[in-house]
N, C-alpha and C. Protein backbone atom coordinates (compact mmCIF):
# COMPACT_ATOMS: atom_id res chain seq x y z
N MET A 1 6.59 -14.68 21.51
CA MET A 1 6.11 -13.76 20.50
C MET A 1 4.69 -14.18 20.13
N ASN A 2 3.75 -13.27 20.32
CA ASN A 2 2.36 -13.62 20.03
C ASN A 2 1.96 -13.14 18.64
N LEU A 3 0.77 -13.50 18.22
CA LEU A 3 0.29 -13.21 16.88
C LEU A 3 0.13 -11.71 16.66
N LYS A 4 -0.27 -10.97 17.67
CA LYS A 4 -0.45 -9.51 17.55
C LYS A 4 0.87 -8.81 17.27
N SER A 5 1.93 -9.21 17.95
CA SER A 5 3.23 -8.58 17.72
C SER A 5 3.77 -8.93 16.33
N ILE A 6 3.53 -10.14 15.86
CA ILE A 6 3.94 -10.51 14.51
C ILE A 6 3.16 -9.69 13.49
N TYR A 7 1.87 -9.50 13.72
CA TYR A 7 1.03 -8.70 12.83
C TYR A 7 1.52 -7.26 12.78
N ASN A 8 1.86 -6.69 13.93
CA ASN A 8 2.38 -5.32 13.97
C ASN A 8 3.72 -5.20 13.25
N TRP A 9 4.60 -6.18 13.46
CA TRP A 9 5.90 -6.18 12.78
C TRP A 9 5.70 -6.26 11.27
N TYR A 10 4.79 -7.12 10.84
CA TYR A 10 4.52 -7.30 9.42
C TYR A 10 3.96 -6.00 8.83
N GLY A 11 3.06 -5.36 9.54
CA GLY A 11 2.48 -4.11 9.07
C GLY A 11 3.52 -3.00 8.95
N GLN A 12 4.44 -2.93 9.91
CA GLN A 12 5.50 -1.92 9.86
C GLN A 12 6.44 -2.19 8.68
N GLY A 13 6.70 -3.46 8.41
CA GLY A 13 7.56 -3.79 7.27
C GLY A 13 6.92 -3.41 5.95
N LEU A 14 5.61 -3.66 5.82
CA LEU A 14 4.93 -3.30 4.58
C LEU A 14 4.74 -1.80 4.42
N SER A 15 4.66 -1.07 5.52
CA SER A 15 4.48 0.37 5.41
C SER A 15 5.79 1.07 5.04
N ASN A 16 6.91 0.39 5.17
CA ASN A 16 8.19 0.95 4.78
C ASN A 16 8.42 0.68 3.29
N PRO A 17 8.49 1.72 2.44
CA PRO A 17 8.63 1.50 1.00
C PRO A 17 9.90 0.72 0.62
N LYS A 18 10.91 0.80 1.46
CA LYS A 18 12.18 0.11 1.18
C LYS A 18 12.02 -1.41 1.23
N TYR A 19 11.15 -1.89 2.11
CA TYR A 19 11.00 -3.33 2.30
C TYR A 19 9.68 -3.89 1.78
N ARG A 20 8.79 -3.02 1.32
CA ARG A 20 7.42 -3.43 0.95
C ARG A 20 7.41 -4.58 -0.05
N TRP A 21 8.07 -4.41 -1.19
CA TRP A 21 8.00 -5.44 -2.23
C TRP A 21 8.73 -6.72 -1.80
N TRP A 22 9.78 -6.57 -1.00
CA TRP A 22 10.47 -7.77 -0.50
C TRP A 22 9.54 -8.58 0.41
N MET A 23 8.78 -7.90 1.23
CA MET A 23 7.86 -8.60 2.14
C MET A 23 6.71 -9.25 1.37
N ILE A 24 6.20 -8.55 0.38
CA ILE A 24 5.11 -9.12 -0.43
C ILE A 24 5.61 -10.35 -1.19
N MET A 25 6.76 -10.24 -1.81
CA MET A 25 7.31 -11.38 -2.56
C MET A 25 7.67 -12.54 -1.62
N GLY A 26 8.22 -12.22 -0.45
CA GLY A 26 8.53 -13.26 0.52
C GLY A 26 7.29 -13.98 1.01
N THR A 27 6.22 -13.23 1.22
CA THR A 27 4.96 -13.83 1.66
C THR A 27 4.41 -14.77 0.59
N LEU A 28 4.41 -14.30 -0.65
CA LEU A 28 3.90 -15.16 -1.73
C LEU A 28 4.79 -16.38 -1.94
N LEU A 29 6.09 -16.21 -1.80
CA LEU A 29 7.01 -17.34 -1.93
C LEU A 29 6.78 -18.35 -0.81
N TYR A 30 6.58 -17.86 0.41
CA TYR A 30 6.28 -18.75 1.54
C TYR A 30 4.97 -19.50 1.31
N PHE A 31 3.98 -18.79 0.78
CA PHE A 31 2.68 -19.42 0.51
C PHE A 31 2.80 -20.53 -0.53
N LEU A 32 3.60 -20.31 -1.55
CA LEU A 32 3.74 -21.30 -2.62
C LEU A 32 4.73 -22.41 -2.28
N SER A 33 5.60 -22.17 -1.32
CA SER A 33 6.63 -23.14 -0.96
C SER A 33 6.03 -24.30 -0.15
N PRO A 34 6.50 -25.52 -0.43
CA PRO A 34 6.04 -26.66 0.39
C PRO A 34 6.73 -26.70 1.76
N LEU A 35 7.79 -25.92 1.95
CA LEU A 35 8.49 -25.87 3.23
C LEU A 35 7.89 -24.77 4.09
N ASP A 36 7.13 -25.15 5.10
CA ASP A 36 6.44 -24.22 5.98
C ASP A 36 6.72 -24.56 7.43
N LEU A 37 6.20 -23.71 8.33
CA LEU A 37 6.26 -24.04 9.75
C LEU A 37 5.47 -25.30 10.03
N SER A 38 4.31 -25.41 9.40
CA SER A 38 3.54 -26.65 9.45
C SER A 38 3.35 -27.10 8.00
N PRO A 39 3.94 -28.25 7.64
CA PRO A 39 3.91 -28.70 6.24
C PRO A 39 2.49 -28.80 5.69
N ASP A 40 2.35 -28.46 4.41
CA ASP A 40 1.05 -28.47 3.76
C ASP A 40 0.50 -29.88 3.56
N LEU A 41 1.33 -30.88 3.74
CA LEU A 41 0.86 -32.26 3.57
C LEU A 41 -0.07 -32.69 4.71
N ILE A 42 0.04 -32.02 5.85
CA ILE A 42 -0.85 -32.32 6.98
C ILE A 42 -2.17 -31.60 6.73
N PRO A 43 -3.26 -32.33 6.62
CA PRO A 43 -4.54 -31.68 6.33
C PRO A 43 -4.93 -30.65 7.38
N ILE A 44 -5.50 -29.57 6.96
CA ILE A 44 -6.02 -28.45 7.75
C ILE A 44 -4.90 -27.73 8.51
N VAL A 45 -4.16 -28.43 9.35
CA VAL A 45 -3.10 -27.80 10.14
C VAL A 45 -2.03 -27.22 9.22
N GLY A 46 -1.76 -27.88 8.13
CA GLY A 46 -0.74 -27.42 7.19
C GLY A 46 -1.12 -26.14 6.47
N GLN A 47 -2.40 -25.89 6.35
CA GLN A 47 -2.85 -24.68 5.65
C GLN A 47 -3.08 -23.49 6.59
N ILE A 48 -3.11 -23.71 7.88
CA ILE A 48 -3.42 -22.64 8.84
C ILE A 48 -2.37 -21.53 8.78
N ASP A 49 -1.08 -21.87 8.78
CA ASP A 49 -0.06 -20.82 8.75
C ASP A 49 -0.10 -20.05 7.43
N ASP A 50 -0.40 -20.74 6.34
CA ASP A 50 -0.54 -20.05 5.05
C ASP A 50 -1.71 -19.07 5.07
N LEU A 51 -2.82 -19.50 5.63
CA LEU A 51 -4.00 -18.63 5.68
C LEU A 51 -3.77 -17.43 6.59
N ILE A 52 -3.08 -17.63 7.69
CA ILE A 52 -2.78 -16.51 8.59
C ILE A 52 -1.89 -15.49 7.88
N LEU A 53 -0.87 -15.98 7.20
CA LEU A 53 0.05 -15.08 6.51
C LEU A 53 -0.65 -14.35 5.35
N LEU A 54 -1.49 -15.05 4.61
CA LEU A 54 -2.24 -14.39 3.53
C LEU A 54 -3.23 -13.37 4.09
N THR A 55 -3.82 -13.65 5.24
CA THR A 55 -4.71 -12.69 5.88
C THR A 55 -3.93 -11.44 6.27
N PHE A 56 -2.73 -11.62 6.82
CA PHE A 56 -1.86 -10.47 7.13
C PHE A 56 -1.60 -9.66 5.88
N LEU A 57 -1.22 -10.35 4.81
CA LEU A 57 -0.87 -9.66 3.56
C LEU A 57 -2.05 -8.87 3.01
N PHE A 58 -3.21 -9.50 2.87
CA PHE A 58 -4.37 -8.82 2.29
C PHE A 58 -4.85 -7.68 3.18
N THR A 59 -4.80 -7.85 4.48
CA THR A 59 -5.22 -6.80 5.38
C THR A 59 -4.30 -5.59 5.28
N GLN A 60 -3.01 -5.82 5.33
CA GLN A 60 -2.05 -4.72 5.30
C GLN A 60 -2.01 -4.02 3.94
N VAL A 61 -2.04 -4.80 2.87
CA VAL A 61 -2.05 -4.18 1.54
C VAL A 61 -3.36 -3.42 1.33
N GLY A 62 -4.46 -3.94 1.82
CA GLY A 62 -5.73 -3.23 1.75
C GLY A 62 -5.68 -1.91 2.51
N ASN A 63 -5.04 -1.91 3.67
CA ASN A 63 -4.87 -0.66 4.43
C ASN A 63 -4.00 0.34 3.68
N LEU A 64 -2.92 -0.15 3.05
CA LEU A 64 -2.04 0.74 2.29
C LEU A 64 -2.77 1.36 1.11
N VAL A 65 -3.54 0.55 0.39
CA VAL A 65 -4.29 1.06 -0.76
C VAL A 65 -5.35 2.06 -0.29
N GLY A 66 -6.04 1.74 0.78
CA GLY A 66 -7.05 2.65 1.32
C GLY A 66 -6.44 3.97 1.75
N ASN A 67 -5.29 3.93 2.43
CA ASN A 67 -4.60 5.15 2.84
C ASN A 67 -4.13 5.96 1.64
N TYR A 68 -3.68 5.28 0.60
CA TYR A 68 -3.23 5.98 -0.61
C TYR A 68 -4.38 6.75 -1.24
N PHE A 69 -5.52 6.08 -1.43
CA PHE A 69 -6.65 6.76 -2.05
C PHE A 69 -7.21 7.85 -1.15
N GLN A 70 -7.16 7.66 0.13
CA GLN A 70 -7.61 8.69 1.05
C GLN A 70 -6.71 9.91 0.98
N SER A 71 -5.41 9.71 0.86
CA SER A 71 -4.50 10.85 0.75
C SER A 71 -4.65 11.54 -0.60
N GLN A 72 -5.00 10.81 -1.64
CA GLN A 72 -5.21 11.42 -2.95
C GLN A 72 -6.45 12.29 -2.96
N GLN A 73 -7.45 11.94 -2.20
CA GLN A 73 -8.67 12.73 -2.14
C GLN A 73 -8.47 14.02 -1.37
N GLN A 74 -7.47 14.07 -0.51
CA GLN A 74 -7.22 15.26 0.29
C GLN A 74 -6.41 16.31 -0.45
N ILE A 75 -5.78 15.96 -1.57
CA ILE A 75 -4.99 16.90 -2.33
C ILE A 75 -5.95 17.79 -3.13
N PRO A 76 -5.88 19.11 -2.93
CA PRO A 76 -6.79 19.97 -3.67
C PRO A 76 -6.45 19.99 -5.17
N VAL A 77 -7.47 19.86 -5.98
CA VAL A 77 -7.30 19.89 -7.42
C VAL A 77 -7.49 21.33 -7.87
N PRO A 78 -6.54 21.89 -8.61
CA PRO A 78 -6.69 23.28 -9.04
C PRO A 78 -7.87 23.44 -9.99
N ASN A 79 -8.58 24.53 -9.83
CA ASN A 79 -9.73 24.82 -10.66
C ASN A 79 -9.27 25.68 -11.83
N HIS A 80 -9.18 25.10 -13.01
CA HIS A 80 -8.68 25.81 -14.17
C HIS A 80 -9.69 26.81 -14.71
N GLU A 81 -10.96 26.64 -14.40
CA GLU A 81 -11.97 27.58 -14.88
C GLU A 81 -11.74 28.96 -14.28
N GLU A 82 -11.33 29.03 -13.02
CA GLU A 82 -11.05 30.31 -12.38
C GLU A 82 -9.88 31.01 -13.06
N GLU A 83 -8.87 30.25 -13.46
CA GLU A 83 -7.71 30.84 -14.12
C GLU A 83 -8.09 31.40 -15.49
N VAL A 84 -9.00 30.77 -16.21
CA VAL A 84 -9.41 31.21 -17.53
C VAL A 84 -10.21 32.51 -17.44
N ASN A 85 -11.01 32.66 -16.42
CA ASN A 85 -11.88 33.82 -16.29
C ASN A 85 -11.17 35.05 -15.72
N GLN A 86 -9.93 34.91 -15.30
CA GLN A 86 -9.21 36.06 -14.76
C GLN A 86 -8.70 36.93 -15.91
N THR A 87 -8.81 38.26 -15.75
CA THR A 87 -8.28 39.19 -16.76
C THR A 87 -7.06 39.87 -16.20
N ILE A 88 -6.16 40.18 -17.09
CA ILE A 88 -4.92 40.83 -16.71
C ILE A 88 -4.86 42.17 -17.44
N ASP A 89 -4.68 43.26 -16.71
CA ASP A 89 -4.55 44.58 -17.31
C ASP A 89 -3.09 44.83 -17.69
N VAL A 90 -2.88 45.23 -18.92
CA VAL A 90 -1.54 45.49 -19.42
C VAL A 90 -1.53 46.87 -20.06
N ASP A 91 -0.54 47.68 -19.75
CA ASP A 91 -0.37 48.97 -20.41
C ASP A 91 0.52 48.77 -21.64
N ALA A 92 0.00 49.18 -22.79
CA ALA A 92 0.75 49.04 -24.04
C ALA A 92 1.70 50.21 -24.21
N VAL A 93 2.90 49.93 -24.63
CA VAL A 93 3.91 50.95 -24.88
C VAL A 93 4.41 50.74 -26.29
N SER A 94 4.46 51.83 -27.09
CA SER A 94 4.95 51.70 -28.47
C SER A 94 6.47 51.79 -28.46
N VAL A 95 7.08 50.98 -29.27
CA VAL A 95 8.53 50.93 -29.38
C VAL A 95 8.90 51.53 -30.73
N ASP A 96 9.67 52.64 -30.73
CA ASP A 96 10.09 53.29 -32.01
C ASP A 96 11.50 52.96 -32.35
């Protein structure tokens, strides 16, 4: 399993709303935990896996936020001024 396939798997997990918060919390828990693939007590090597995982997290969350704002800009906003300026013709009928 190479780094690209792990990155793709991670991105697919974050793009799924069902698993998104679990993956974010798991990533942060892994980052804060002293139990890693390479222990943090080993200088430089111990921090590499944490930095890779945080890079995955920030990249994917940044993509999600960017996609969200991009989709919000594509939604047409109704123009209320046009609705105010429209006139409606009504025939009045007297009720006896």
